[in-house]
Amino acid sequence: MAGAKSNDKARNLYAPAMRYFAVVADLGSIRAASRELNVASSAINRQILWLEEALGLQLFERVGRRLRLAQAGEILLAHVKRTYSDFDATLAELDALQGLRRGTVSIATVESVAETLLPELVSSFRRKYPGIHVSVTVTSALEAAKLVEAAEADVGFTFDPPDTSALTVSYHQDLPIGALMAPDHPLATAEVLSLSECLRFPLALPAVGLSLRSRIDASMAQIPGSLRTYIEANSLRFMRALAREEKVIGFQTEIGCEEDLESGRLVFKPLTDLPLQADRLSIVTSARRALALSPGMFFNHAVIALKDRLPDNDAKMASTSAKMSAME
């Protein structure tokens, strides 16, 4: 509710032409925008025409009875969204100056982080700042980065984010990818494994588009012979269930599967293949705008908590690398 009120303030502060344009772009119709804004259609139409004349560019294309954004309109809409987001951030900071301790934090995250790490982070943050509204979107690694880049999320938790000037990797931790399997699986007694050894058994592979899959594919390309995939899925939780129930091998980092490992329902075996030895967990923020007060407080809280939560992974990876070198 706090976020909705903040959005209303931002839109009232912004120029009417831009507000009307954004609603028309969202609804695809001046008439629908008129109902939404409770403003006469003629007034909205005049503002759109004024914008197009001022810019010297066509913002909409008419498709049947609907309006579709032209290329110039898409660029302008992205600017409007960034501006609204910046207004929200400014209002949150003004509220904080008044001692209200209100604000919003929007988070985009991958599934594995959402299962264990993020609930702990959000809960501990909310205990300190109960007046701050937190929204979370669970999506793929690439989409989490895109949401931050488009200013639709303040902070992103992702793996191997794209190298782009629009993003800042504000924190990262390298995590080994391993094979997950039931404790009675034939490979469960091995200290470390190669991907080629795993290929002799049924597999559950991450779906194309997940960061894990791109690394697995890079390793697969170096292994002669064809792969017979048991199943593909875009849910790591689903693949862990298969590993427990169907005796297949799944692949992921230890993030998100702590409960299964602690209970002994699954075992984790590091893989010797070079592309699988370090999947980079990253916290990303926008390089185009500074974090507002509330997202900034959450970011600082997250970095401190993750440094405490993942302190020994470098030592684990060094130990694993030494074992791998000894086997070669």
Protein backbone atom coordinates (compact mmCIF):
# COMPACT_ATOMS: atom_id res chain seq x y z
CA MET A 1 0.00 0.00 0.00
CA ALA A 2 2.86 2.37 0.86
CA GLY A 3 4.39 1.71 -2.57
CA ALA A 4 1.10 2.51 -4.33
CA LYS A 5 0.75 5.84 -2.50
CA SER A 6 4.33 6.70 -3.38
CA ASN A 7 3.68 5.94 -7.05
CA ASP A 8 0.65 8.27 -7.00
CA LYS A 9 2.76 11.08 -5.59
CA ALA A 10 5.43 10.54 -8.23
CA ARG A 11 2.91 10.66 -11.06
CA ASN A 12 1.30 13.84 -9.68
CA LEU A 13 4.69 15.53 -9.50
CA TYR A 14 5.56 14.59 -13.07
CA ALA A 15 4.44 16.50 -16.20
CA PRO A 16 0.86 15.62 -17.33
CA ALA A 17 2.00 14.86 -20.88
CA MET A 18 4.39 12.19 -19.63
CA ARG A 19 1.82 10.73 -17.23
CA TYR A 20 -0.82 10.52 -19.93
CA PHE A 21 1.66 9.02 -22.37
CA ALA A 22 2.68 6.30 -19.88
CA VAL A 23 -0.93 5.26 -19.18
CA VAL A 24 -1.82 5.19 -22.89
CA ALA A 25 1.28 3.06 -23.53
CA ASP A 26 0.26 0.69 -20.75
CA LEU A 27 -3.41 0.35 -21.78
CA GLY A 28 -3.00 0.70 -25.55
CA SER A 29 -5.92 3.08 -25.88
CA ILE A 30 -6.66 6.78 -25.26
CA ARG A 31 -10.23 5.90 -24.29
CA ALA A 32 -9.04 3.36 -21.71
CA ALA A 33 -6.51 5.88 -20.39
CA SER A 34 -9.30 8.42 -20.10
CA ARG A 35 -11.29 6.07 -17.85
CA GLU A 36 -8.22 5.19 -15.81
CA LEU A 37 -7.14 8.80 -15.25
CA ASN A 38 -10.65 10.31 -15.13
CA VAL A 39 -9.46 12.84 -17.72
CA ALA A 40 -11.21 13.72 -20.98
CA SER A 41 -9.98 11.77 -24.02
CA SER A 42 -9.51 15.03 -25.93
CA ALA A 43 -7.18 16.37 -23.24
CA ILE A 44 -5.08 13.19 -23.31
CA ASN A 45 -4.96 13.23 -27.11
CA ARG A 46 -3.80 16.88 -27.12
CA GLN A 47 -0.96 16.08 -24.71
CA ILE A 48 0.18 13.11 -26.83
CA LEU A 49 0.11 15.23 -30.00
CA TRP A 50 2.04 17.97 -28.20
CA LEU A 51 4.69 15.47 -27.14
CA GLU A 52 5.07 14.12 -30.67
CA GLU A 53 5.32 17.65 -32.08
CA ALA A 54 7.86 18.73 -29.45
CA LEU A 55 10.02 15.67 -30.06
CA GLY A 56 9.49 15.57 -33.82
CA LEU A 57 8.86 11.84 -33.60
CA GLN A 58 5.88 9.49 -33.79
CA LEU A 59 5.33 7.79 -30.43
CA PHE A 60 2.49 5.42 -31.34
CA GLU A 61 1.41 3.28 -34.29
CA ARG A 62 -2.29 2.51 -34.74
CA VAL A 63 -3.01 -1.25 -35.04
CA GLY A 64 -6.75 -1.77 -35.48
CA ARG A 65 -8.40 -0.03 -32.54
CA ARG A 66 -5.31 -0.13 -30.37
CA LEU A 67 -2.20 2.01 -30.13
CA ARG A 68 1.19 0.31 -30.20
CA LEU A 69 4.43 1.99 -29.17
CA ALA A 70 6.72 3.06 -32.00
CA GLN A 71 10.47 2.78 -31.46
CA ALA A 72 10.66 6.36 -30.16
CA GLY A 73 7.77 5.58 -27.80
CA GLU A 74 9.59 2.58 -26.33
CA ILE A 75 12.65 4.71 -25.59
CA LEU A 76 10.52 7.44 -23.99
CA LEU A 77 8.57 4.90 -21.89
CA ALA A 78 11.82 3.47 -20.49
CA HIS A 79 12.80 7.02 -19.47
CA VAL A 80 9.43 7.61 -17.80
CA LYS A 81 9.72 4.36 -15.80
CA ARG A 82 13.21 5.29 -14.62
CA THR A 83 11.97 8.75 -13.64
CA TYR A 84 9.00 7.36 -11.69
CA SER A 85 11.36 4.99 -9.91
CA ASP A 86 13.70 7.85 -9.04
CA PHE A 87 10.72 9.86 -7.71
CA ASP A 88 9.77 6.94 -5.46
CA ALA A 89 13.33 6.75 -4.17
CA THR A 90 13.40 10.49 -3.47
CA LEU A 91 10.09 10.33 -1.59
CA ALA A 92 11.40 7.45 0.50
CA GLU A 93 14.43 9.52 1.45
CA LEU A 94 12.24 12.51 2.34
CA ASP A 95 10.11 10.24 4.52
CA ALA A 96 13.25 9.00 6.23
CA LEU A 97 14.30 12.60 6.96
CA GLN A 98 10.94 13.07 8.68
CA GLY A 99 11.71 10.11 10.90
CA LEU A 100 8.97 7.97 9.36
CA ARG A 101 11.35 5.11 8.46
CA ARG A 102 9.23 4.23 5.48
CA GLY A 103 10.29 3.26 2.01
CA THR A 104 10.32 0.45 -0.51
CA VAL A 105 12.86 -2.11 -1.65
CA SER A 106 12.27 -4.18 -4.79
CA ILE A 107 14.34 -7.33 -5.21
CA ALA A 108 14.81 -9.66 -8.18
CA THR A 109 16.32 -13.04 -7.36
CA VAL A 110 17.06 -16.50 -8.65
CA GLU A 111 15.25 -19.49 -7.18
CA SER A 112 18.12 -20.97 -5.17
CA VAL A 113 18.74 -17.70 -3.29
CA ALA A 114 14.99 -17.30 -2.71
CA GLU A 115 14.76 -20.68 -0.97
CA THR A 116 17.12 -20.14 1.96
CA LEU A 117 19.36 -17.07 1.84
CA LEU A 118 16.84 -14.39 0.93
CA PRO A 119 14.11 -15.28 3.48
CA GLU A 120 16.74 -14.96 6.22
CA LEU A 121 17.96 -11.64 4.81
CA VAL A 122 14.49 -10.15 4.44
CA SER A 123 13.34 -11.34 7.87
CA SER A 124 16.36 -9.91 9.69
CA PHE A 125 16.08 -6.67 7.69
CA ARG A 126 12.37 -6.33 8.50
CA ARG A 127 13.10 -6.80 12.20
CA LYS A 128 15.34 -3.74 12.04
CA TYR A 129 13.16 -1.70 9.66
CA PRO A 130 9.54 -2.88 9.99
CA GLY A 131 8.16 0.16 8.16
CA ILE A 132 9.96 -0.58 4.89
CA HIS A 133 7.94 -2.38 2.22
CA VAL A 134 9.83 -5.23 0.50
CA SER A 135 8.76 -6.80 -2.79
CA VAL A 136 10.47 -9.88 -4.25
CA THR A 137 10.35 -11.31 -7.79
CA VAL A 138 11.72 -14.83 -8.31
CA THR A 139 12.96 -15.37 -11.85
CA SER A 140 15.90 -16.58 -13.95
CA ALA A 141 19.45 -15.27 -13.53
CA LEU A 142 19.34 -13.29 -16.78
CA GLU A 143 15.88 -11.84 -16.11
CA ALA A 144 16.90 -10.75 -12.59
CA ALA A 145 19.75 -8.75 -14.11
CA LYS A 146 17.41 -7.27 -16.75
CA LEU A 147 14.91 -6.14 -14.10
CA VAL A 148 17.65 -4.23 -12.28
CA GLU A 149 18.93 -2.77 -15.55
CA ALA A 150 15.41 -1.58 -16.44
CA ALA A 151 14.97 0.02 -13.00
CA GLU A 152 12.14 -2.41 -12.20
CA ALA A 153 14.14 -3.81 -9.27
CA ASP A 154 16.57 -2.05 -6.93
CA VAL A 155 18.73 -5.04 -6.05
CA GLY A 156 19.29 -8.30 -7.92
CA PHE A 157 20.59 -11.65 -6.67
CA THR A 158 21.84 -13.58 -9.69
CA PHE A 159 24.54 -15.89 -11.01
CA ASP A 160 27.07 -14.85 -13.67
CA PRO A 161 25.40 -11.53 -14.58
CA PRO A 162 26.00 -10.11 -18.08
CA ASP A 163 28.97 -7.79 -18.52
CA THR A 164 27.23 -4.51 -19.26
CA SER A 165 27.85 -0.87 -18.39
CA ALA A 166 24.26 -0.64 -17.11
CA LEU A 167 24.96 -2.94 -14.14
CA THR A 168 27.28 -2.78 -11.18
CA VAL A 169 28.30 -6.04 -9.51
CA SER A 170 28.37 -4.73 -5.97
CA TYR A 171 29.20 -8.05 -4.29
CA HIS A 172 30.11 -11.52 -5.51
CA GLN A 173 31.02 -14.94 -4.16
CA ASP A 174 32.29 -17.84 -6.26
CA LEU A 175 30.55 -21.15 -5.49
CA PRO A 176 31.44 -24.60 -6.87
CA ILE A 177 28.84 -26.48 -8.89
CA GLY A 178 28.40 -30.07 -7.82
CA ALA A 179 26.45 -33.24 -8.52
CA LEU A 180 23.48 -33.85 -6.20
CA MET A 181 22.32 -37.39 -5.60
CA ALA A 182 20.74 -39.70 -3.06
CA PRO A 183 23.15 -41.20 -0.47
CA ASP A 184 22.63 -44.71 -1.92
CA HIS A 185 23.52 -43.66 -5.49
CA PRO A 186 26.48 -45.63 -6.98
CA LEU A 187 28.57 -42.42 -7.19
CA ALA A 188 27.75 -41.17 -3.70
CA THR A 189 30.95 -42.53 -2.16
CA ALA A 190 33.29 -40.65 -4.52
CA GLU A 191 35.03 -37.57 -3.06
CA VAL A 192 34.87 -35.62 -6.33
CA LEU A 193 33.48 -36.44 -9.76
CA SER A 194 33.81 -35.40 -13.36
CA LEU A 195 30.81 -34.65 -15.52
CA SER A 196 31.71 -37.53 -17.85
CA GLU A 197 31.35 -39.95 -14.92
CA CYS A 198 27.90 -38.58 -14.20
CA LEU A 199 26.82 -39.07 -17.82
CA ARG A 200 26.71 -42.83 -17.29
CA PHE A 201 23.60 -42.34 -15.15
CA PRO A 202 20.18 -40.66 -15.60
CA LEU A 203 20.41 -36.89 -15.20
CA ALA A 204 18.15 -33.98 -14.33
CA LEU A 205 19.48 -30.94 -16.17
CA PRO A 206 18.65 -27.27 -15.58
CA ALA A 207 16.61 -25.88 -18.45
CA VAL A 208 18.24 -23.79 -21.17
CA GLY A 209 18.33 -20.19 -19.98
CA LEU A 210 19.45 -20.93 -16.43
CA SER A 211 23.03 -19.89 -15.63
CA LEU A 212 23.85 -23.42 -14.45
CA ARG A 213 22.88 -24.85 -17.84
CA SER A 214 25.24 -22.59 -19.77
CA ARG A 215 28.16 -23.81 -17.66
CA ILE A 216 27.10 -27.45 -17.99
CA ASP A 217 26.77 -27.07 -21.76
CA ALA A 218 30.29 -25.61 -21.92
CA SER A 219 31.59 -28.71 -20.14
CA MET A 220 29.47 -31.06 -22.27
CA ALA A 221 31.02 -29.62 -25.42
CA GLN A 222 34.40 -30.96 -24.30
CA ILE A 223 33.12 -34.51 -23.74
CA PRO A 224 32.88 -36.80 -26.79
CA GLY A 225 29.71 -38.83 -27.33
CA SER A 226 26.03 -38.01 -27.17
CA LEU A 227 24.04 -37.14 -24.07
CA ARG A 228 20.82 -38.91 -23.20
CA THR A 229 19.01 -36.46 -20.94
CA TYR A 230 16.68 -37.88 -18.34
CA ILE A 231 14.70 -34.69 -17.83
CA GLU A 232 15.01 -30.91 -18.07
CA ALA A 233 13.39 -28.45 -15.66
CA ASN A 234 13.57 -24.76 -14.83
CA SER A 235 13.05 -25.48 -11.11
CA LEU A 236 15.97 -26.49 -8.92
CA ARG A 237 13.56 -27.63 -6.21
CA PHE A 238 11.93 -30.01 -8.69
CA MET A 239 15.30 -31.42 -9.72
CA ARG A 240 16.24 -32.03 -6.09
CA ALA A 241 12.97 -33.93 -5.61
CA LEU A 242 13.87 -36.11 -8.60
CA ALA A 243 17.31 -36.75 -7.16
CA ARG A 244 15.73 -37.88 -3.90
CA GLU A 245 12.94 -40.00 -5.38
CA GLU A 246 14.16 -41.22 -8.77
CA LYS A 247 17.87 -41.69 -8.06
CA VAL A 248 18.91 -39.31 -10.82
CA ILE A 249 21.81 -36.86 -10.63
CA GLY A 250 21.06 -33.14 -10.45
CA PHE A 251 23.44 -30.19 -10.63
CA GLN A 252 23.62 -26.96 -8.64
CA THR A 253 25.61 -25.11 -5.99
CA GLU A 254 25.03 -25.84 -2.31
CA ILE A 255 22.88 -22.68 -2.06
CA GLY A 256 19.24 -23.64 -1.70
CA CYS A 257 19.79 -27.31 -0.87
CA GLU A 258 21.18 -26.90 2.66
CA GLU A 259 18.24 -28.67 4.31
CA ASP A 260 18.56 -31.75 2.08
CA LEU A 261 22.31 -31.92 2.71
CA GLU A 262 22.03 -31.44 6.48
CA SER A 263 19.33 -34.11 6.77
CA GLY A 264 21.34 -36.56 4.67
CA ARG A 265 18.62 -36.93 2.02
CA LEU A 266 21.08 -35.76 -0.64
CA VAL A 267 24.86 -35.59 -0.98
CA PHE A 268 26.86 -32.96 -2.85
CA LYS A 269 29.93 -33.95 -4.89
CA PRO A 270 32.11 -31.18 -6.40
CA LEU A 271 32.81 -31.59 -10.12
CA THR A 272 36.34 -31.45 -11.53
CA ASP A 273 35.35 -29.85 -14.85
CA LEU A 274 36.86 -26.34 -15.02
CA PRO A 275 33.68 -24.46 -16.13
CA LEU A 276 31.83 -25.97 -13.15
CA GLN A 277 34.29 -25.04 -10.41
CA ALA A 278 33.00 -21.52 -9.79
CA ASP A 279 29.48 -20.23 -10.36
CA ARG A 280 29.52 -16.54 -9.38
CA LEU A 281 26.73 -15.50 -7.02
CA SER A 282 26.40 -11.74 -7.44
CA ILE A 283 24.41 -8.86 -6.01
CA VAL A 284 23.81 -6.37 -8.81
CA THR A 285 22.58 -2.79 -8.77
CA SER A 286 22.00 -0.22 -11.49
CA ALA A 287 25.05 1.68 -12.73
CA ARG A 288 22.80 4.47 -13.98
CA ARG A 289 21.35 5.59 -10.68
CA ALA A 290 22.41 5.53 -7.06
CA LEU A 291 20.49 3.41 -4.58
CA ALA A 292 17.94 5.33 -2.56
CA LEU A 293 18.02 5.21 1.23
CA SER A 294 15.85 2.11 1.80
CA PRO A 295 17.40 -0.08 -0.98
CA GLY A 296 20.81 1.12 0.14
CA MET A 297 20.14 0.01 3.72
CA PHE A 298 18.96 -3.38 2.46
CA PHE A 299 22.00 -3.77 0.20
CA ASN A 300 24.40 -3.05 3.07
CA HIS A 301 22.48 -5.44 5.31
CA ALA A 302 22.62 -8.18 2.64
CA VAL A 303 26.36 -7.83 2.00
CA ILE A 304 27.24 -8.01 5.71
CA ALA A 305 24.92 -11.01 6.23
CA LEU A 306 26.26 -12.91 3.19
CA LYS A 307 29.87 -12.34 4.20
CA ASP A 308 29.01 -13.94 7.55
CA ARG A 309 26.91 -16.67 5.93
CA LEU A 310 29.42 -17.65 3.21
CA PRO A 311 32.78 -17.04 4.88
CA ASP A 312 34.58 -20.28 4.09
CA ASN A 313 33.70 -20.95 0.46
CA ASP A 314 37.09 -19.76 -0.79
CA ALA A 315 38.75 -22.24 1.59
CA LYS A 316 36.38 -24.98 0.46
CA MET A 317 37.16 -24.27 -3.18
CA ALA A 318 40.91 -24.25 -2.52
CA SER A 319 40.62 -27.61 -0.75
CA THR A 320 38.53 -29.01 -3.60
CA SER A 321 40.99 -27.74 -6.22
CA ALA A 322 43.84 -29.41 -4.38
CA LYS A 323 41.98 -32.73 -4.39
CA MET A 324 41.24 -32.37 -8.09
CA SER A 325 44.89 -31.62 -8.88
CA ALA A 326 45.97 -34.68 -6.93
CA MET A 327 43.64 -36.85 -9.01
CA GLU A 328 44.95 -35.56 -12.37
